[in-house]
Amino acid sequence: MSQRRLYIWLDRDPFSGPPDLWIEDVPGRADLDLLAEAIRSGRLGRYLPTRLALSPHEFPRLPSAYRSVNVSNLLRQYRIPYRTRLEIPSPEAAEQEAAVRTSARSPEAEHDGCI
């Protein structure tokens, strides 16, 4: 009998390539319970993405063949302590964001579309 597995893709679409890792699929146990147990024990690593995909198929062919999991909701639901990571944008991206915010607050922008 071959070992049953749950395949995991970290922060990417399962159709983009092979899974990043796998955990044992235990019959009679919920997939999310197994995933939470693997996270709690550190088998998925220290840093997790905000979303991951989980499937019993190594190469799912349909969107219905995998499950998209919101990691922060899962951590809260299973009471797994975690810290949030913050992304620091590049200086160029920060300048672009500041320019967009400034133009959105300009008086010309406030009157656009007024009759």
PDB file of N, CA and C in Angstrom:
ATOM      1  N   MET A   1       0.843  -1.189   0.000  1.00  0.00           N
ATOM      2  CA  MET A   1       0.000   0.000   0.000  1.00  0.00           C
ATOM      3  C   MET A   1       0.881   1.243   0.000  1.00  0.00           C
ATOM      4  N   SER A   2       0.612   2.162  -0.877  1.00  0.00           N
ATOM      5  CA  SER A   2       1.422   3.370  -0.943  1.00  0.00           C
ATOM      6  C   SER A   2       0.975   4.370   0.114  1.00  0.00           C
ATOM      7  N   GLN A   3       1.903   5.227   0.479  1.00  0.00           N
ATOM      8  CA  GLN A   3       1.631   6.236   1.496  1.00  0.00           C
ATOM      9  C   GLN A   3       0.750   7.336   0.903  1.00  0.00           C
ATOM     10  N   ARG A   4      -0.279   7.739   1.641  1.00  0.00           N
ATOM     11  CA  ARG A   4      -1.155   8.823   1.199  1.00  0.00           C
ATOM     12  C   ARG A   4      -0.519  10.141   1.591  1.00  0.00           C
ATOM     13  N   ARG A   5      -0.601  11.107   0.698  1.00  0.00           N
ATOM     14  CA  ARG A   5       0.034  12.397   0.926  1.00  0.00           C
ATOM     15  C   ARG A   5      -0.920  13.549   0.652  1.00  0.00           C
ATOM     16  N   LEU A   6      -0.671  14.655   1.342  1.00  0.00           N
ATOM     17  CA  LEU A   6      -1.314  15.930   1.050  1.00  0.00           C
ATOM     18  C   LEU A   6      -0.204  16.839   0.537  1.00  0.00           C
ATOM     19  N   TYR A   7      -0.358  17.319  -0.671  1.00  0.00           N
ATOM     20  CA  TYR A   7       0.662  18.150  -1.300  1.00  0.00           C
ATOM     21  C   TYR A   7       0.371  19.619  -1.022  1.00  0.00           C
ATOM     22  N   ILE A   8       1.443  20.392  -0.823  1.00  0.00           N
ATOM     23  CA  ILE A   8       1.299  21.792  -0.426  1.00  0.00           C
ATOM     24  C   ILE A   8       2.107  22.687  -1.367  1.00  0.00           C
ATOM     25  N   TRP A   9       1.458  23.764  -1.825  1.00  0.00           N
ATOM     26  CA  TRP A   9       2.111  24.798  -2.613  1.00  0.00           C
ATOM     27  C   TRP A   9       2.100  26.066  -1.773  1.00  0.00           C
ATOM     28  N   LEU A  10       3.257  26.630  -1.527  1.00  0.00           N
ATOM     29  CA  LEU A  10       3.373  27.822  -0.697  1.00  0.00           C
ATOM     30  C   LEU A  10       3.306  29.081  -1.554  1.00  0.00           C
ATOM     31  N   ASP A  11       2.226  29.823  -1.401  1.00  0.00           N
ATOM     32  CA  ASP A  11       2.060  31.130  -2.025  1.00  0.00           C
ATOM     33  C   ASP A  11       2.150  31.102  -3.552  1.00  0.00           C
ATOM     34  N   ARG A  12       1.662  30.039  -4.159  1.00  0.00           N
ATOM     35  CA  ARG A  12       1.612  29.984  -5.621  1.00  0.00           C
ATOM     36  C   ARG A  12       0.536  29.010  -6.064  1.00  0.00           C
ATOM     37  N   ASP A  13       0.186  29.135  -7.310  1.00  0.00           N
ATOM     38  CA  ASP A  13      -0.865  28.330  -7.908  1.00  0.00           C
ATOM     39  C   ASP A  13      -0.380  26.888  -8.110  1.00  0.00           C
ATOM     40  N   PRO A  14      -1.182  25.888  -7.776  1.00  0.00           N
ATOM     41  CA  PRO A  14      -0.787  24.497  -7.990  1.00  0.00           C
ATOM     42  C   PRO A  14      -0.534  24.137  -9.454  1.00  0.00           C
ATOM     43  N   PHE A  15      -1.080  24.929 -10.377  1.00  0.00           N
ATOM     44  CA  PHE A  15      -0.854  24.647 -11.792  1.00  0.00           C
ATOM     45  C   PHE A  15       0.497  25.182 -12.270  1.00  0.00           C
ATOM     46  N   SER A  16       1.203  25.932 -11.415  1.00  0.00           N
ATOM     47  CA  SER A  16       2.473  26.539 -11.823  1.00  0.00           C
ATOM     48  C   SER A  16       3.654  25.577 -11.757  1.00  0.00           C
ATOM     49  N   GLY A  17       3.483  24.450 -11.113  1.00  0.00           N
ATOM     50  CA  GLY A  17       4.580  23.488 -11.030  1.00  0.00           C
ATOM     51  C   GLY A  17       4.361  22.494  -9.915  1.00  0.00           C
ATOM     52  N   PRO A  18       5.374  21.673  -9.648  1.00  0.00           N
ATOM     53  CA  PRO A  18       5.226  20.647  -8.615  1.00  0.00           C
ATOM     54  C   PRO A  18       5.057  21.266  -7.226  1.00  0.00           C
ATOM     55  N   PRO A  19       4.527  20.505  -6.283  1.00  0.00           N
ATOM     56  CA  PRO A  19       4.321  21.024  -4.932  1.00  0.00           C
ATOM     57  C   PRO A  19       5.650  21.361  -4.249  1.00  0.00           C
ATOM     58  N   ASP A  20       5.564  22.276  -3.281  1.00  0.00           N
ATOM     59  CA  ASP A  20       6.751  22.661  -2.518  1.00  0.00           C
ATOM     60  C   ASP A  20       7.107  21.600  -1.488  1.00  0.00           C
ATOM     61  N   LEU A  21       6.092  20.965  -0.917  1.00  0.00           N
ATOM     62  CA  LEU A  21       6.317  19.910   0.070  1.00  0.00           C
ATOM     63  C   LEU A  21       5.058  19.100   0.250  1.00  0.00           C
ATOM     64  N   TRP A  22       5.116  18.099   1.089  1.00  0.00           N
ATOM     65  CA  TRP A  22       3.947  17.263   1.352  1.00  0.00           C
ATOM     66  C   TRP A  22       3.975  16.821   2.808  1.00  0.00           C
ATOM     67  N   ILE A  23       2.778  16.450   3.304  1.00  0.00           N
ATOM     68  CA  ILE A  23       2.637  15.867   4.635  1.00  0.00           C
ATOM     69  C   ILE A  23       1.826  14.583   4.477  1.00  0.00           C
ATOM     70  N   GLU A  24       1.916  13.722   5.457  1.00  0.00           N
ATOM     71  CA  GLU A  24       1.172  12.469   5.400  1.00  0.00           C
ATOM     72  C   GLU A  24      -0.318  12.739   5.572  1.00  0.00           C
ATOM     73  N   ASP A  25      -1.127  12.095   4.746  1.00  0.00           N
ATOM     74  CA  ASP A  25      -2.580  12.192   4.823  1.00  0.00           C
ATOM     75  C   ASP A  25      -3.078  10.995   5.631  1.00  0.00           C
ATOM     76  N   VAL A  26      -3.629  11.264   6.794  1.00  0.00           N
ATOM     77  CA  VAL A  26      -4.105  10.203   7.676  1.00  0.00           C
ATOM     78  C   VAL A  26      -5.605  10.009   7.456  1.00  0.00           C
ATOM     79  N   PRO A  27      -6.028   8.838   7.012  1.00  0.00           N
ATOM     80  CA  PRO A  27      -7.462   8.596   6.800  1.00  0.00           C
ATOM     81  C   PRO A  27      -8.262   8.846   8.086  1.00  0.00           C
ATOM     82  N   GLY A  28      -9.401   9.508   7.928  1.00  0.00           N
ATOM     83  CA  GLY A  28     -10.254   9.783   9.080  1.00  0.00           C
ATOM     84  C   GLY A  28      -9.919  11.082   9.799  1.00  0.00           C
ATOM     85  N   ARG A  29      -8.847  11.760   9.410  1.00  0.00           N
ATOM     86  CA  ARG A  29      -8.479  13.040  10.018  1.00  0.00           C
ATOM     87  C   ARG A  29      -8.675  14.148   8.991  1.00  0.00           C
ATOM     88  N   ALA A  30      -9.204  15.267   9.441  1.00  0.00           N
ATOM     89  CA  ALA A  30      -9.458  16.399   8.544  1.00  0.00           C
ATOM     90  C   ALA A  30      -8.141  16.975   8.016  1.00  0.00           C
ATOM     91  N   ASP A  31      -8.155  17.358   6.744  1.00  0.00           N
ATOM     92  CA  ASP A  31      -6.960  17.917   6.118  1.00  0.00           C
ATOM     93  C   ASP A  31      -6.442  19.140   6.870  1.00  0.00           C
ATOM     94  N   LEU A  32      -7.355  20.028   7.302  1.00  0.00           N
ATOM     95  CA  LEU A  32      -6.920  21.229   8.014  1.00  0.00           C
ATOM     96  C   LEU A  32      -6.309  20.893   9.373  1.00  0.00           C
ATOM     97  N   ASP A  33      -6.806  19.851  10.027  1.00  0.00           N
ATOM     98  CA  ASP A  33      -6.198  19.408  11.288  1.00  0.00           C
ATOM     99  C   ASP A  33      -4.760  18.951  11.049  1.00  0.00           C
ATOM    100  N   LEU A  34      -4.565  18.184   9.986  1.00  0.00           N
ATOM    101  CA  LEU A  34      -3.225  17.703   9.649  1.00  0.00           C
ATOM    102  C   LEU A  34      -2.301  18.862   9.286  1.00  0.00           C
ATOM    103  N   LEU A  35      -2.836  19.822   8.539  1.00  0.00           N
ATOM    104  CA  LEU A  35      -2.049  20.990   8.153  1.00  0.00           C
ATOM    105  C   LEU A  35      -1.664  21.811   9.385  1.00  0.00           C
ATOM    106  N   ALA A  36      -2.619  22.050  10.285  1.00  0.00           N
ATOM    107  CA  ALA A  36      -2.335  22.807  11.505  1.00  0.00           C
ATOM    108  C   ALA A  36      -1.286  22.092  12.357  1.00  0.00           C
ATOM    109  N   GLU A  37      -1.385  20.789  12.444  1.00  0.00           N
ATOM    110  CA  GLU A  37      -0.409  20.001  13.198  1.00  0.00           C
ATOM    111  C   GLU A  37       0.990  20.140  12.583  1.00  0.00           C
ATOM    112  N   ALA A  38       1.071  20.108  11.267  1.00  0.00           N
ATOM    113  CA  ALA A  38       2.359  20.259  10.578  1.00  0.00           C
ATOM    114  C   ALA A  38       2.939  21.660  10.799  1.00  0.00           C
ATOM    115  N   ILE A  39       2.082  22.677  10.777  1.00  0.00           N
ATOM    116  CA  ILE A  39       2.541  24.051  11.024  1.00  0.00           C
ATOM    117  C   ILE A  39       3.037  24.179  12.456  1.00  0.00           C
ATOM    118  N   ARG A  40       2.252  23.678  13.399  1.00  0.00           N
ATOM    119  CA  ARG A  40       2.607  23.768  14.812  1.00  0.00           C
ATOM    120  C   ARG A  40       3.948  23.086  15.098  1.00  0.00           C
ATOM    121  N   SER A  41       4.212  21.976  14.424  1.00  0.00           N
ATOM    122  CA  SER A  41       5.460  21.248  14.662  1.00  0.00           C
ATOM    123  C   SER A  41       6.640  21.819  13.867  1.00  0.00           C
ATOM    124  N   GLY A  42       6.380  22.807  13.002  1.00  0.00           N
ATOM    125  CA  GLY A  42       7.458  23.444  12.252  1.00  0.00           C
ATOM    126  C   GLY A  42       7.826  22.760  10.951  1.00  0.00           C
ATOM    127  N   ARG A  43       7.042  21.797  10.520  1.00  0.00           N
ATOM    128  CA  ARG A  43       7.370  21.068   9.283  1.00  0.00           C
ATOM    129  C   ARG A  43       7.203  21.898   8.019  1.00  0.00           C
ATOM    130  N   LEU A  44       6.482  23.021   8.101  1.00  0.00           N
ATOM    131  CA  LEU A  44       6.312  23.883   6.931  1.00  0.00           C
ATOM    132  C   LEU A  44       7.281  25.054   6.947  1.00  0.00           C
ATOM    133  N   GLY A  45       8.138  25.105   7.936  1.00  0.00           N
ATOM    134  CA  GLY A  45       9.122  26.178   8.016  1.00  0.00           C
ATOM    135  C   GLY A  45       8.681  27.283   8.948  1.00  0.00           C
ATOM    136  N   ARG A  46       9.581  28.220   9.130  1.00  0.00           N
ATOM    137  CA  ARG A  46       9.343  29.314  10.071  1.00  0.00           C
ATOM    138  C   ARG A  46       8.471  30.418   9.477  1.00  0.00           C
ATOM    139  N   TYR A  47       8.643  30.693   8.196  1.00  0.00           N
ATOM    140  CA  TYR A  47       7.893  31.763   7.541  1.00  0.00           C
ATOM    141  C   TYR A  47       6.858  31.163   6.593  1.00  0.00           C
ATOM    142  N   LEU A  48       5.628  31.572   6.776  1.00  0.00           N
ATOM    143  CA  LEU A  48       4.537  31.054   5.954  1.00  0.00           C
ATOM    144  C   LEU A  48       3.949  32.179   5.111  1.00  0.00           C
ATOM    145  N   PRO A  49       3.443  31.846   3.943  1.00  0.00           N
ATOM    146  CA  PRO A  49       2.773  32.862   3.120  1.00  0.00           C
ATOM    147  C   PRO A  49       1.380  33.129   3.672  1.00  0.00           C
ATOM    148  N   THR A  50       0.712  34.137   3.131  1.00  0.00           N
ATOM    149  CA  THR A  50      -0.649  34.439   3.582  1.00  0.00           C
ATOM    150  C   THR A  50      -1.647  33.413   3.063  1.00  0.00           C
ATOM    151  N   ARG A  51      -1.333  32.777   1.935  1.00  0.00           N
ATOM    152  CA  ARG A  51      -2.197  31.739   1.365  1.00  0.00           C
ATOM    153  C   ARG A  51      -1.332  30.567   0.930  1.00  0.00           C
ATOM    154  N   LEU A  52      -1.925  29.394   0.983  1.00  0.00           N
ATOM    155  CA  LEU A  52      -1.270  28.213   0.438  1.00  0.00           C
ATOM    156  C   LEU A  52      -2.332  27.325  -0.165  1.00  0.00           C
ATOM    157  N   ALA A  53      -1.900  26.377  -0.967  1.00  0.00           N
ATOM    158  CA  ALA A  53      -2.830  25.440  -1.603  1.00  0.00           C
ATOM    159  C   ALA A  53      -2.526  24.040  -1.104  1.00  0.00           C
ATOM    160  N   LEU A  54      -3.562  23.245  -0.937  1.00  0.00           N
ATOM    161  CA  LEU A  54      -3.462  21.906  -0.371  1.00  0.00           C
ATOM    162  C   LEU A  54      -4.260  20.950  -1.254  1.00  0.00           C
ATOM    163  N   SER A  55      -3.657  19.799  -1.588  1.00  0.00           N
ATOM    164  CA  SER A  55      -4.353  18.852  -2.447  1.00  0.00           C
ATOM    165  C   SER A  55      -3.857  17.427  -2.213  1.00  0.00           C
ATOM    166  N   PRO A  56      -4.744  16.446  -2.343  1.00  0.00           N
ATOM    167  CA  PRO A  56      -4.295  15.061  -2.297  1.00  0.00           C
ATOM    168  C   PRO A  56      -3.661  14.631  -3.624  1.00  0.00           C
ATOM    169  N   HIS A  57      -3.720  15.504  -4.628  1.00  0.00           N
ATOM    170  CA  HIS A  57      -3.169  15.213  -5.955  1.00  0.00           C
ATOM    171  C   HIS A  57      -1.856  15.961  -6.144  1.00  0.00           C
ATOM    172  N   GLU A  58      -0.824  15.254  -6.562  1.00  0.00           N
ATOM    173  CA  GLU A  58       0.467  15.905  -6.781  1.00  0.00           C
ATOM    174  C   GLU A  58       0.399  16.889  -7.949  1.00  0.00           C
ATOM    175  N   PHE A  59      -0.396  16.567  -8.957  1.00  0.00           N
ATOM    176  CA  PHE A  59      -0.576  17.439 -10.115  1.00  0.00           C
ATOM    177  C   PHE A  59      -2.068  17.603 -10.383  1.00  0.00           C
ATOM    178  N   PRO A  60      -2.756  18.483  -9.627  1.00  0.00           N
ATOM    179  CA  PRO A  60      -4.194  18.652  -9.829  1.00  0.00           C
ATOM    180  C   PRO A  60      -4.487  19.191 -11.227  1.00  0.00           C
ATOM    181  N   ARG A  61      -5.553  18.707 -11.824  1.00  0.00           N
ATOM    182  CA  ARG A  61      -5.900  19.118 -13.187  1.00  0.00           C
ATOM    183  C   ARG A  61      -7.035  20.134 -13.216  1.00  0.00           C
ATOM    184  N   LEU A  62      -7.796  20.212 -12.139  1.00  0.00           N
ATOM    185  CA  LEU A  62      -8.934  21.134 -12.075  1.00  0.00           C
ATOM    186  C   LEU A  62      -8.833  21.995 -10.817  1.00  0.00           C
ATOM    187  N   PRO A  63      -9.398  23.207 -10.843  1.00  0.00           N
ATOM    188  CA  PRO A  63      -9.409  24.037  -9.636  1.00  0.00           C
ATOM    189  C   PRO A  63     -10.120  23.375  -8.455  1.00  0.00           C
ATOM    190  N   SER A  64     -11.075  22.490  -8.744  1.00  0.00           N
ATOM    191  CA  SER A  64     -11.789  21.808  -7.666  1.00  0.00           C
ATOM    192  C   SER A  64     -10.939  20.706  -7.018  1.00  0.00           C
ATOM    193  N   ALA A  65      -9.764  20.425  -7.562  1.00  0.00           N
ATOM    194  CA  ALA A  65      -8.908  19.350  -7.045  1.00  0.00           C
ATOM    195  C   ALA A  65      -7.937  19.831  -5.969  1.00  0.00           C
ATOM    196  N   TYR A  66      -7.987  21.118  -5.627  1.00  0.00           N
ATOM    197  CA  TYR A  66      -7.144  21.619  -4.543  1.00  0.00           C
ATOM    198  C   TYR A  66      -7.933  22.615  -3.701  1.00  0.00           C
ATOM    199  N   ARG A  67      -7.403  22.868  -2.530  1.00  0.00           N
ATOM    200  CA  ARG A  67      -8.054  23.781  -1.591  1.00  0.00           C
ATOM    201  C   ARG A  67      -7.118  24.942  -1.300  1.00  0.00           C
ATOM    202  N   SER A  68      -7.624  26.155  -1.428  1.00  0.00           N
ATOM    203  CA  SER A  68      -6.855  27.343  -1.091  1.00  0.00           C
ATOM    204  C   SER A  68      -7.102  27.654   0.387  1.00  0.00           C
ATOM    205  N   VAL A  69      -6.016  27.865   1.137  1.00  0.00           N
ATOM    206  CA  VAL A  69      -6.130  28.051   2.586  1.00  0.00           C
ATOM    207  C   VAL A  69      -5.597  29.430   2.969  1.00  0.00           C
ATOM    208  N   ASN A  70      -6.401  30.196   3.691  1.00  0.00           N
ATOM    209  CA  ASN A  70      -5.971  31.465   4.269  1.00  0.00           C
ATOM    210  C   ASN A  70      -5.205  31.122   5.549  1.00  0.00           C
ATOM    211  N   VAL A  71      -3.899  31.315   5.523  1.00  0.00           N
ATOM    212  CA  VAL A  71      -3.044  30.856   6.615  1.00  0.00           C
ATOM    213  C   VAL A  71      -3.323  31.593   7.924  1.00  0.00           C
ATOM    214  N   SER A  72      -3.516  32.902   7.886  1.00  0.00           N
ATOM    215  CA  SER A  72      -3.760  33.621   9.140  1.00  0.00           C
ATOM    216  C   SER A  72      -5.066  33.179   9.799  1.00  0.00           C
ATOM    217  N   ASN A  73      -6.103  32.911   8.999  1.00  0.00           N
ATOM    218  CA  ASN A  73      -7.356  32.392   9.568  1.00  0.00           C
ATOM    219  C   ASN A  73      -7.142  31.010  10.198  1.00  0.00           C
ATOM    220  N   LEU A  74      -6.376  30.173   9.520  1.00  0.00           N
ATOM    221  CA  LEU A  74      -6.085  28.838  10.036  1.00  0.00           C
ATOM    222  C   LEU A  74      -5.334  28.936  11.373  1.00  0.00           C
ATOM    223  N   LEU A  75      -4.349  29.823  11.434  1.00  0.00           N
ATOM    224  CA  LEU A  75      -3.574  29.978  12.670  1.00  0.00           C
ATOM    225  C   LEU A  75      -4.458  30.456  13.819  1.00  0.00           C
ATOM    226  N   ARG A  76      -5.344  31.397  13.530  1.00  0.00           N
ATOM    227  CA  ARG A  76      -6.267  31.868  14.580  1.00  0.00           C
ATOM    228  C   ARG A  76      -7.220  30.761  15.002  1.00  0.00           C
ATOM    229  N   GLN A  77      -7.781  30.057  14.029  1.00  0.00           N
ATOM    230  CA  GLN A  77      -8.759  29.009  14.315  1.00  0.00           C
ATOM    231  C   GLN A  77      -8.153  27.901  15.190  1.00  0.00           C
ATOM    232  N   TYR A  78      -6.905  27.544  14.922  1.00  0.00           N
ATOM    233  CA  TYR A  78      -6.252  26.475  15.681  1.00  0.00           C
ATOM    234  C   TYR A  78      -5.396  27.001  16.833  1.00  0.00           C
ATOM    235  N   ARG A  79      -5.514  28.289  17.104  1.00  0.00           N
ATOM    236  CA  ARG A  79      -4.810  28.944  18.223  1.00  0.00           C
ATOM    237  C   ARG A  79      -3.304  28.670  18.196  1.00  0.00           C
ATOM    238  N   ILE A  80      -2.728  28.863  17.013  1.00  0.00           N
ATOM    239  CA  ILE A  80      -1.290  28.715  16.837  1.00  0.00           C
ATOM    240  C   ILE A  80      -0.691  30.120  16.897  1.00  0.00           C
ATOM    241  N   PRO A  81       0.182  30.376  17.859  1.00  0.00           N
ATOM    242  CA  PRO A  81       0.759  31.725  17.964  1.00  0.00           C
ATOM    243  C   PRO A  81       1.610  32.051  16.732  1.00  0.00           C
ATOM    244  N   TYR A  82       1.528  33.296  16.303  1.00  0.00           N
ATOM    245  CA  TYR A  82       2.306  33.719  15.136  1.00  0.00           C
ATOM    246  C   TYR A  82       2.581  35.216  15.209  1.00  0.00           C
ATOM    247  N   ARG A  83       3.549  35.638  14.417  1.00  0.00           N
ATOM    248  CA  ARG A  83       3.871  37.052  14.264  1.00  0.00           C
ATOM    249  C   ARG A  83       3.622  37.421  12.814  1.00  0.00           C
ATOM    250  N   THR A  84       3.313  38.669  12.596  1.00  0.00           N
ATOM    251  CA  THR A  84       3.109  39.107  11.216  1.00  0.00           C
ATOM    252  C   THR A  84       4.415  39.650  10.661  1.00  0.00           C
ATOM    253  N   ARG A  85       4.604  39.408   9.371  1.00  0.00           N
ATOM    254  CA  ARG A  85       5.767  39.963   8.684  1.00  0.00           C
ATOM    255  C   ARG A  85       5.303  41.174   7.896  1.00  0.00           C
ATOM    256  N   LEU A  86       6.151  42.177   7.867  1.00  0.00           N
ATOM    257  CA  LEU A  86       5.831  43.363   7.088  1.00  0.00           C
ATOM    258  C   LEU A  86       6.775  43.447   5.900  1.00  0.00           C
ATOM    259  N   GLU A  87       6.216  43.787   4.771  1.00  0.00           N
ATOM    260  CA  GLU A  87       7.031  43.954   3.571  1.00  0.00           C
ATOM    261  C   GLU A  87       7.419  45.417   3.441  1.00  0.00           C
ATOM    262  N   ILE A  88       8.684  45.646   3.290  1.00  0.00           N
ATOM    263  CA  ILE A  88       9.182  46.998   3.090  1.00  0.00           C
ATOM    264  C   ILE A  88       9.378  47.173   1.585  1.00  0.00           C
ATOM    265  N   PRO A  89       8.612  48.096   0.971  1.00  0.00           N
ATOM    266  CA  PRO A  89       8.741  48.255  -0.483  1.00  0.00           C
ATOM    267  C   PRO A  89      10.062  48.906  -0.854  1.00  0.00           C
ATOM    268  N   SER A  90      10.452  48.731  -2.094  1.00  0.00           N
ATOM    269  CA  SER A  90      11.672  49.369  -2.597  1.00  0.00           C
ATOM    270  C   SER A  90      11.452  50.882  -2.591  1.00  0.00           C
ATOM    271  N   PRO A  91      12.525  51.674  -2.582  1.00  0.00           N
ATOM    272  CA  PRO A  91      12.369  53.133  -2.593  1.00  0.00           C
ATOM    273  C   PRO A  91      11.544  53.632  -3.788  1.00  0.00           C
ATOM    274  N   GLU A  92      11.711  53.004  -4.949  1.00  0.00           N
ATOM    275  CA  GLU A  92      10.960  53.421  -6.137  1.00  0.00           C
ATOM    276  C   GLU A  92       9.460  53.180  -5.941  1.00  0.00           C
ATOM    277  N   ALA A  93       9.106  52.038  -5.400  1.00  0.00           N
ATOM    278  CA  ALA A  93       7.696  51.731  -5.171  1.00  0.00           C
ATOM    279  C   ALA A  93       7.100  52.684  -4.139  1.00  0.00           C
ATOM    280  N   ALA A  94       7.851  53.018  -3.099  1.00  0.00           N
ATOM    281  CA  ALA A  94       7.372  53.948  -2.078  1.00  0.00           C
ATOM    282  C   ALA A  94       7.123  55.330  -2.677  1.00  0.00           C
ATOM    283  N   GLU A  95       8.014  55.776  -3.593  1.00  0.00           N
ATOM    284  CA  GLU A  95       7.831  57.076  -4.249  1.00  0.00           C
ATOM    285  C   GLU A  95       6.579  57.065  -5.118  1.00  0.00           C
ATOM    286  N   GLN A  96       6.347  55.980  -5.835  1.00  0.00           N
ATOM    287  CA  GLN A  96       5.162  55.878  -6.684  1.00  0.00           C
ATOM    288  C   GLN A  96       3.889  55.918  -5.852  1.00  0.00           C
ATOM    289  N   GLU A  97       3.872  55.204  -4.719  1.00  0.00           N
ATOM    290  CA  GLU A  97       2.709  55.217  -3.839  1.00  0.00           C
ATOM    291  C   GLU A  97       2.449  56.610  -3.299  1.00  0.00           C
ATOM    292  N   ALA A  98       3.525  57.317  -2.910  1.00  0.00           N
ATOM    293  CA  ALA A  98       3.384  58.674  -2.386  1.00  0.00           C
ATOM    294  C   ALA A  98       2.829  59.600  -3.464  1.00  0.00           C
ATOM    295  N   ALA A  99       3.281  59.447  -4.709  1.00  0.00           N
ATOM    296  CA  ALA A  99       2.791  60.281  -5.812  1.00  0.00           C
ATOM    297  C   ALA A  99       1.309  60.028  -6.060  1.00  0.00           C
ATOM    298  N   VAL A 100       0.887  58.799  -5.998  1.00  0.00           N
ATOM    299  CA  VAL A 100      -0.522  58.466  -6.204  1.00  0.00           C
ATOM    300  C   VAL A 100      -1.375  59.064  -5.090  1.00  0.00           C
ATOM    301  N   ARG A 101      -0.910  58.951  -3.846  1.00  0.00           N
ATOM    302  CA  ARG A 101      -1.672  59.527  -2.716  1.00  0.00           C
ATOM    303  C   ARG A 101      -1.764  61.038  -2.843  1.00  0.00           C
ATOM    304  N   THR A 102      -0.665  61.699  -3.248  1.00  0.00           N
ATOM    305  CA  THR A 102      -0.654  63.151  -3.383  1.00  0.00           C
ATOM    306  C   THR A 102      -1.607  63.594  -4.482  1.00  0.00           C
ATOM    307  N   SER A 103      -1.589  62.921  -5.638  1.00  0.00           N
ATOM    308  CA  SER A 103      -2.465  63.312  -6.738  1.00  0.00           C
ATOM    309  C   SER A 103      -3.928  63.050  -6.390  1.00  0.00           C
ATOM    310  N   ALA A 104      -4.201  62.062  -5.591  1.00  0.00           N
ATOM    311  CA  ALA A 104      -5.585  61.762  -5.201  1.00  0.00           C
ATOM    312  C   ALA A 104      -6.136  62.837  -4.281  1.00  0.00           C
ATOM    313  N   ARG A 105      -5.250  63.543  -3.544  1.00  0.00           N
ATOM    314  CA  ARG A 105      -5.702  64.581  -2.614  1.00  0.00           C
ATOM    315  C   ARG A 105      -5.688  65.980  -3.223  1.00  0.00           C
ATOM    316  N   SER A 106      -5.239  66.128  -4.456  1.00  0.00           N
ATOM    317  CA  SER A 106      -5.130  67.456  -5.058  1.00  0.00           C
ATOM    318  C   SER A 106      -6.519  68.049  -5.291  1.00  0.00           C
ATOM    319  N   PRO A 107      -6.628  69.384  -5.261  1.00  0.00           N
ATOM    320  CA  PRO A 107      -7.934  70.026  -5.494  1.00  0.00           C
ATOM    321  C   PRO A 107      -8.509  69.695  -6.866  1.00  0.00           C
ATOM    322  N   GLU A 108      -7.629  69.516  -7.875  1.00  0.00           N
ATOM    323  CA  GLU A 108      -8.126  69.183  -9.211  1.00  0.00           C
ATOM    324  C   GLU A 108      -8.816  67.810  -9.175  1.00  0.00           C
ATOM    325  N   ALA A 109      -8.246  66.876  -8.423  1.00  0.00           N
ATOM    326  CA  ALA A 109      -8.815  65.546  -8.351  1.00  0.00           C
ATOM    327  C   ALA A 109     -10.163  65.569  -7.636  1.00  0.00           C
ATOM    328  N   GLU A 110     -10.341  66.485  -6.676  1.00  0.00           N
ATOM    329  CA  GLU A 110     -11.600  66.556  -5.946  1.00  0.00           C
ATOM    330  C   GLU A 110     -12.738  67.029  -6.847  1.00  0.00           C
ATOM    331  N   HIS A 111     -12.417  67.871  -7.860  1.00  0.00           N
ATOM    332  CA  HIS A 111     -13.451  68.426  -8.711  1.00  0.00           C
ATOM    333  C   HIS A 111     -13.653  67.654 -10.002  1.00  0.00           C
ATOM    334  N   ASP A 112     -12.839  66.665 -10.258  1.00  0.00           N
ATOM    335  CA  ASP A 112     -13.005  65.845 -11.457  1.00  0.00           C
ATOM    336  C   ASP A 112     -14.381  65.155 -11.405  1.00  0.00           C
ATOM    337  N   GLY A 113     -15.093  65.226 -12.486  1.00  0.00           N
ATOM    338  CA  GLY A 113     -16.381  64.564 -12.558  1.00  0.00           C
ATOM    339  C   GLY A 113     -17.531  65.418 -12.028  1.00  0.00           C
ATOM    340  N   CYS A 114     -17.222  66.597 -11.499  1.00  0.00           N
ATOM    341  CA  CYS A 114     -18.301  67.472 -11.005  1.00  0.00           C
ATOM    342  C   CYS A 114     -18.919  68.214 -12.178  1.00  0.00           C
ATOM    343  N   ILE A 115     -20.213  68.473 -12.117  1.00  0.00           N
ATOM    344  CA  ILE A 115     -20.917  69.177 -13.194  1.00  0.00           C
ATOM    345  C   ILE A 115     -21.130  70.613 -12.794  1.00  0.00           C
TER     346      ILE A 115
END
